[in-house]
């Protein structure tokens, strides 16, 4: 039931062009301003869900100060998180790991 709901939520975001995949989130520093500018440059304005597969301390530190950004590890994503966000951004590694889990 959970897997079907998550697949459905992801399909909805994909259909609405609100699901994006990036190679990786690599930040040189933990500054929120630089991270905010990077998100704005990608066209993400509000309620962004970032899903990362690996531990990225600079990303966690930069994202924690932004109220409209939620950062989760790939195995903690729920249908609620996906549907509640305006934009959903996965790293390539995170989407591949999630595909393996959803394929079972």
N, C-alpha and C. Protein backbone atom coordinates (compact mmCIF):
# COMPACT_ATOMS: atom_id res chain seq x y z
N UNK A 1 0.82 -1.19 0.00
CA UNK A 1 0.00 0.00 0.00
C UNK A 1 0.87 1.25 0.00
N UNK A 2 1.90 1.25 0.88
CA UNK A 2 2.77 2.41 0.98
C UNK A 2 3.54 2.64 -0.32
N UNK A 3 4.07 1.57 -0.88
CA UNK A 3 4.83 1.69 -2.13
C UNK A 3 3.96 2.21 -3.25
N UNK A 4 2.73 1.74 -3.33
CA UNK A 4 1.82 2.19 -4.38
C UNK A 4 1.49 3.68 -4.21
N UNK A 5 1.31 4.11 -2.98
CA UNK A 5 1.02 5.52 -2.72
C UNK A 5 2.22 6.40 -3.07
N UNK A 6 3.41 5.94 -2.74
CA UNK A 6 4.61 6.70 -3.08
C UNK A 6 4.82 6.76 -4.59
N UNK A 7 4.61 5.66 -5.27
CA UNK A 7 4.71 5.64 -6.73
C UNK A 7 3.71 6.61 -7.35
N UNK A 8 2.51 6.60 -6.84
CA UNK A 8 1.45 7.48 -7.36
C UNK A 8 1.80 8.95 -7.12
N UNK A 9 2.31 9.27 -5.96
CA UNK A 9 2.69 10.65 -5.64
C UNK A 9 3.83 11.12 -6.54
N UNK A 10 4.82 10.25 -6.74
CA UNK A 10 5.94 10.60 -7.62
C UNK A 10 5.48 10.76 -9.07
N UNK A 11 4.56 9.91 -9.51
CA UNK A 11 4.03 10.01 -10.86
C UNK A 11 3.27 11.32 -11.06
N UNK A 12 2.54 11.73 -10.05
CA UNK A 12 1.80 12.99 -10.12
C UNK A 12 2.76 14.17 -10.26
N UNK A 13 3.82 14.17 -9.47
CA UNK A 13 4.81 15.26 -9.55
C UNK A 13 5.52 15.25 -10.90
N UNK A 14 5.80 14.08 -11.43
CA UNK A 14 6.45 13.97 -12.73
C UNK A 14 5.54 14.51 -13.83
N UNK A 15 4.27 14.17 -13.75
CA UNK A 15 3.30 14.63 -14.74
C UNK A 15 3.16 16.16 -14.71
N UNK A 16 3.29 16.74 -13.53
CA UNK A 16 3.16 18.20 -13.37
C UNK A 16 4.50 18.93 -13.55
N UNK A 17 5.54 18.21 -13.97
CA UNK A 17 6.89 18.77 -14.15
C UNK A 17 7.43 19.39 -12.86
N UNK A 18 7.15 18.78 -11.75
CA UNK A 18 7.63 19.27 -10.45
C UNK A 18 8.60 18.29 -9.81
N UNK A 19 9.03 17.29 -10.56
CA UNK A 19 10.00 16.31 -10.09
C UNK A 19 11.28 16.50 -10.89
N UNK A 20 12.38 16.73 -10.20
CA UNK A 20 13.66 16.99 -10.86
C UNK A 20 14.73 16.08 -10.29
N UNK A 21 15.70 15.74 -11.13
CA UNK A 21 16.83 14.93 -10.71
C UNK A 21 18.10 15.69 -11.05
N UNK A 22 18.98 15.84 -10.08
CA UNK A 22 20.28 16.49 -10.29
C UNK A 22 21.37 15.45 -10.03
N UNK A 23 22.56 15.70 -10.58
CA UNK A 23 23.66 14.76 -10.37
C UNK A 23 24.03 14.64 -8.90
N UNK A 24 24.24 15.79 -8.26
CA UNK A 24 24.60 15.79 -6.84
C UNK A 24 24.46 17.20 -6.30
N UNK A 25 24.30 17.30 -5.00
CA UNK A 25 24.31 18.59 -4.32
C UNK A 25 25.69 18.77 -3.71
N UNK A 26 26.51 19.55 -4.35
CA UNK A 26 27.85 19.78 -3.78
C UNK A 26 27.98 21.26 -3.43
N UNK A 27 28.12 21.51 -2.17
CA UNK A 27 28.28 22.88 -1.68
C UNK A 27 29.68 23.04 -1.10
N UNK A 28 30.29 24.17 -1.41
CA UNK A 28 31.63 24.44 -0.88
C UNK A 28 31.59 24.88 0.58
N UNK A 29 30.49 25.52 0.96
CA UNK A 29 30.38 25.98 2.34
C UNK A 29 28.99 25.68 2.88
N UNK A 30 28.81 25.94 4.15
CA UNK A 30 27.53 25.67 4.81
C UNK A 30 26.64 26.90 4.86
N UNK A 31 26.94 27.93 4.09
CA UNK A 31 26.21 29.19 4.14
C UNK A 31 24.85 29.06 3.46
N UNK A 32 23.83 29.52 4.15
CA UNK A 32 22.48 29.45 3.64
C UNK A 32 22.28 30.36 2.43
N UNK A 33 22.93 31.50 2.41
CA UNK A 33 22.76 32.45 1.31
C UNK A 33 23.20 31.83 -0.02
N UNK A 34 24.32 31.16 -0.04
CA UNK A 34 24.80 30.52 -1.27
C UNK A 34 23.85 29.42 -1.72
N UNK A 35 23.35 28.65 -0.77
CA UNK A 35 22.40 27.58 -1.08
C UNK A 35 21.09 28.15 -1.62
N UNK A 36 20.63 29.22 -1.01
CA UNK A 36 19.40 29.88 -1.46
C UNK A 36 19.56 30.41 -2.88
N UNK A 37 20.69 30.98 -3.18
CA UNK A 37 20.94 31.48 -4.53
C UNK A 37 21.01 30.34 -5.55
N UNK A 38 21.58 29.23 -5.14
CA UNK A 38 21.64 28.07 -6.03
C UNK A 38 20.25 27.54 -6.33
N UNK A 39 19.38 27.48 -5.32
CA UNK A 39 18.00 27.04 -5.55
C UNK A 39 17.24 28.01 -6.45
N UNK A 40 17.44 29.29 -6.22
CA UNK A 40 16.79 30.30 -7.05
C UNK A 40 17.28 30.20 -8.50
N UNK A 41 18.54 29.91 -8.66
CA UNK A 41 19.10 29.75 -10.00
C UNK A 41 18.51 28.57 -10.74
N UNK A 42 18.10 27.55 -10.00
CA UNK A 42 17.46 26.38 -10.61
C UNK A 42 15.96 26.60 -10.83
N UNK A 43 15.44 27.69 -10.32
CA UNK A 43 14.02 28.00 -10.51
C UNK A 43 13.11 27.47 -9.43
N UNK A 44 13.63 27.10 -8.29
CA UNK A 44 12.82 26.59 -7.19
C UNK A 44 12.57 27.73 -6.22
N UNK A 45 11.31 28.13 -6.12
CA UNK A 45 11.00 29.32 -5.34
C UNK A 45 10.44 29.01 -3.95
N UNK A 46 9.61 28.00 -3.81
CA UNK A 46 8.99 27.74 -2.51
C UNK A 46 8.69 26.26 -2.34
N UNK A 47 8.61 25.83 -1.09
CA UNK A 47 8.28 24.46 -0.70
C UNK A 47 9.03 23.42 -1.54
N UNK A 48 10.29 23.30 -1.25
CA UNK A 48 11.15 22.38 -1.97
C UNK A 48 11.49 21.19 -1.08
N UNK A 49 11.35 20.00 -1.62
CA UNK A 49 11.77 18.78 -0.95
C UNK A 49 13.03 18.29 -1.64
N UNK A 50 14.13 18.23 -0.90
CA UNK A 50 15.40 17.73 -1.41
C UNK A 50 15.64 16.34 -0.84
N UNK A 51 15.95 15.41 -1.71
CA UNK A 51 16.19 14.04 -1.28
C UNK A 51 17.60 13.67 -1.71
N UNK A 52 18.44 13.38 -0.72
CA UNK A 52 19.84 13.06 -0.98
C UNK A 52 20.15 11.67 -0.45
N UNK A 53 21.06 10.98 -1.12
CA UNK A 53 21.40 9.60 -0.76
C UNK A 53 22.57 9.52 0.21
N UNK A 54 23.45 10.47 0.15
CA UNK A 54 24.66 10.40 0.97
C UNK A 54 24.66 11.50 2.02
N UNK A 55 25.54 11.33 2.96
CA UNK A 55 25.67 12.34 4.01
C UNK A 55 26.42 13.54 3.43
N UNK A 56 25.82 14.69 3.54
CA UNK A 56 26.40 15.91 3.00
C UNK A 56 26.26 17.00 4.06
N UNK A 57 27.27 17.17 4.93
CA UNK A 57 27.14 18.09 6.06
C UNK A 57 26.87 19.53 5.65
N UNK A 58 27.52 20.01 4.61
CA UNK A 58 27.30 21.39 4.17
C UNK A 58 25.87 21.60 3.70
N UNK A 59 25.32 20.62 3.01
CA UNK A 59 23.94 20.73 2.55
C UNK A 59 22.97 20.74 3.72
N UNK A 60 23.19 19.87 4.71
CA UNK A 60 22.31 19.83 5.88
C UNK A 60 22.35 21.15 6.64
N UNK A 61 23.55 21.71 6.81
CA UNK A 61 23.69 22.97 7.54
C UNK A 61 23.06 24.13 6.78
N UNK A 62 23.22 24.16 5.48
CA UNK A 62 22.67 25.26 4.68
C UNK A 62 21.15 25.18 4.58
N UNK A 63 20.60 23.98 4.50
CA UNK A 63 19.16 23.82 4.30
C UNK A 63 18.36 23.96 5.59
N UNK A 64 18.97 23.75 6.72
CA UNK A 64 18.21 23.75 7.98
C UNK A 64 17.66 25.13 8.34
N UNK A 65 18.24 26.20 7.83
CA UNK A 65 17.78 27.55 8.15
C UNK A 65 16.68 28.04 7.22
N UNK A 66 16.32 27.27 6.23
CA UNK A 66 15.30 27.68 5.27
C UNK A 66 13.99 26.98 5.58
N UNK A 67 12.97 27.77 5.86
CA UNK A 67 11.69 27.18 6.28
C UNK A 67 10.95 26.48 5.14
N UNK A 68 11.21 26.88 3.90
CA UNK A 68 10.51 26.28 2.76
C UNK A 68 11.26 25.11 2.15
N UNK A 69 12.36 24.71 2.74
CA UNK A 69 13.16 23.61 2.21
C UNK A 69 13.19 22.48 3.23
N UNK A 70 12.90 21.28 2.76
CA UNK A 70 12.96 20.10 3.61
C UNK A 70 13.95 19.13 2.98
N UNK A 71 14.90 18.69 3.74
CA UNK A 71 15.94 17.78 3.26
C UNK A 71 15.77 16.44 3.96
N UNK A 72 15.68 15.37 3.15
CA UNK A 72 15.48 14.03 3.70
C UNK A 72 16.42 13.03 3.05
N UNK A 73 16.80 12.00 3.79
CA UNK A 73 17.48 10.86 3.15
C UNK A 73 16.48 10.11 2.28
N UNK A 74 16.97 9.41 1.27
CA UNK A 74 16.06 8.81 0.30
C UNK A 74 15.13 7.75 0.88
N UNK A 75 15.52 7.06 1.92
CA UNK A 75 14.66 6.02 2.46
C UNK A 75 13.65 6.53 3.49
N UNK A 76 13.62 7.83 3.73
CA UNK A 76 12.65 8.41 4.66
C UNK A 76 11.56 9.21 3.94
N UNK A 77 11.53 9.14 2.64
CA UNK A 77 10.52 9.88 1.87
C UNK A 77 9.18 9.17 1.98
N UNK A 78 8.14 9.95 2.24
CA UNK A 78 6.78 9.40 2.31
C UNK A 78 5.92 10.10 1.26
N UNK A 79 4.77 9.53 0.93
CA UNK A 79 3.87 10.21 -0.01
C UNK A 79 3.45 11.60 0.48
N UNK A 80 3.31 11.76 1.78
CA UNK A 80 2.96 13.08 2.32
C UNK A 80 4.03 14.11 1.99
N UNK A 81 5.30 13.76 2.19
CA UNK A 81 6.39 14.69 1.87
C UNK A 81 6.35 15.09 0.41
N UNK A 82 6.15 14.12 -0.46
CA UNK A 82 6.15 14.39 -1.91
C UNK A 82 4.98 15.29 -2.29
N UNK A 83 3.80 14.99 -1.80
CA UNK A 83 2.62 15.77 -2.18
C UNK A 83 2.59 17.14 -1.53
N UNK A 84 3.21 17.29 -0.38
CA UNK A 84 3.21 18.55 0.33
C UNK A 84 4.18 19.57 -0.29
N UNK A 85 5.15 19.11 -1.04
CA UNK A 85 6.15 20.00 -1.62
C UNK A 85 5.71 20.52 -2.99
N UNK A 86 6.12 21.73 -3.29
CA UNK A 86 5.86 22.30 -4.61
C UNK A 86 6.82 21.71 -5.65
N UNK A 87 8.08 21.58 -5.26
CA UNK A 87 9.11 20.98 -6.12
C UNK A 87 9.79 19.85 -5.35
N UNK A 88 10.05 18.76 -6.05
CA UNK A 88 10.75 17.62 -5.46
C UNK A 88 12.03 17.42 -6.26
N UNK A 89 13.16 17.44 -5.55
CA UNK A 89 14.46 17.32 -6.20
C UNK A 89 15.21 16.14 -5.60
N UNK A 90 15.56 15.18 -6.44
CA UNK A 90 16.32 14.01 -6.04
C UNK A 90 17.73 14.10 -6.61
N UNK A 91 18.69 13.56 -5.88
CA UNK A 91 19.99 13.34 -6.50
C UNK A 91 19.88 12.06 -7.31
N UNK A 92 20.79 11.90 -8.25
CA UNK A 92 20.76 10.72 -9.10
C UNK A 92 20.90 9.44 -8.27
N UNK A 93 21.79 9.45 -7.29
CA UNK A 93 21.99 8.28 -6.44
C UNK A 93 20.74 7.98 -5.60
N UNK A 94 20.08 9.03 -5.13
CA UNK A 94 18.88 8.84 -4.31
C UNK A 94 17.74 8.24 -5.11
N UNK A 95 17.54 8.71 -6.33
CA UNK A 95 16.43 8.18 -7.14
C UNK A 95 16.70 6.74 -7.55
N UNK A 96 17.98 6.41 -7.80
CA UNK A 96 18.31 5.02 -8.16
C UNK A 96 18.08 4.09 -6.97
N UNK A 97 18.45 4.53 -5.78
CA UNK A 97 18.22 3.71 -4.58
C UNK A 97 16.73 3.55 -4.29
N UNK A 98 15.98 4.61 -4.50
CA UNK A 98 14.53 4.55 -4.28
C UNK A 98 13.86 3.64 -5.32
N UNK A 99 14.35 3.66 -6.53
CA UNK A 99 13.80 2.78 -7.57
C UNK A 99 14.00 1.32 -7.19
N UNK A 100 15.14 0.99 -6.62
CA UNK A 100 15.40 -0.38 -6.21
C UNK A 100 14.41 -0.82 -5.12
N UNK A 101 14.13 0.09 -4.19
CA UNK A 101 13.19 -0.24 -3.11
C UNK A 101 11.78 -0.38 -3.64
N UNK A 102 11.38 0.51 -4.55
CA UNK A 102 10.02 0.48 -5.07
C UNK A 102 9.80 -0.68 -6.06
N UNK A 103 10.87 -1.20 -6.63
CA UNK A 103 10.74 -2.30 -7.59
C UNK A 103 10.45 -3.64 -6.91
N UNK A 104 10.71 -3.74 -5.63
CA UNK A 104 10.51 -5.01 -4.91
C UNK A 104 9.05 -5.33 -4.76
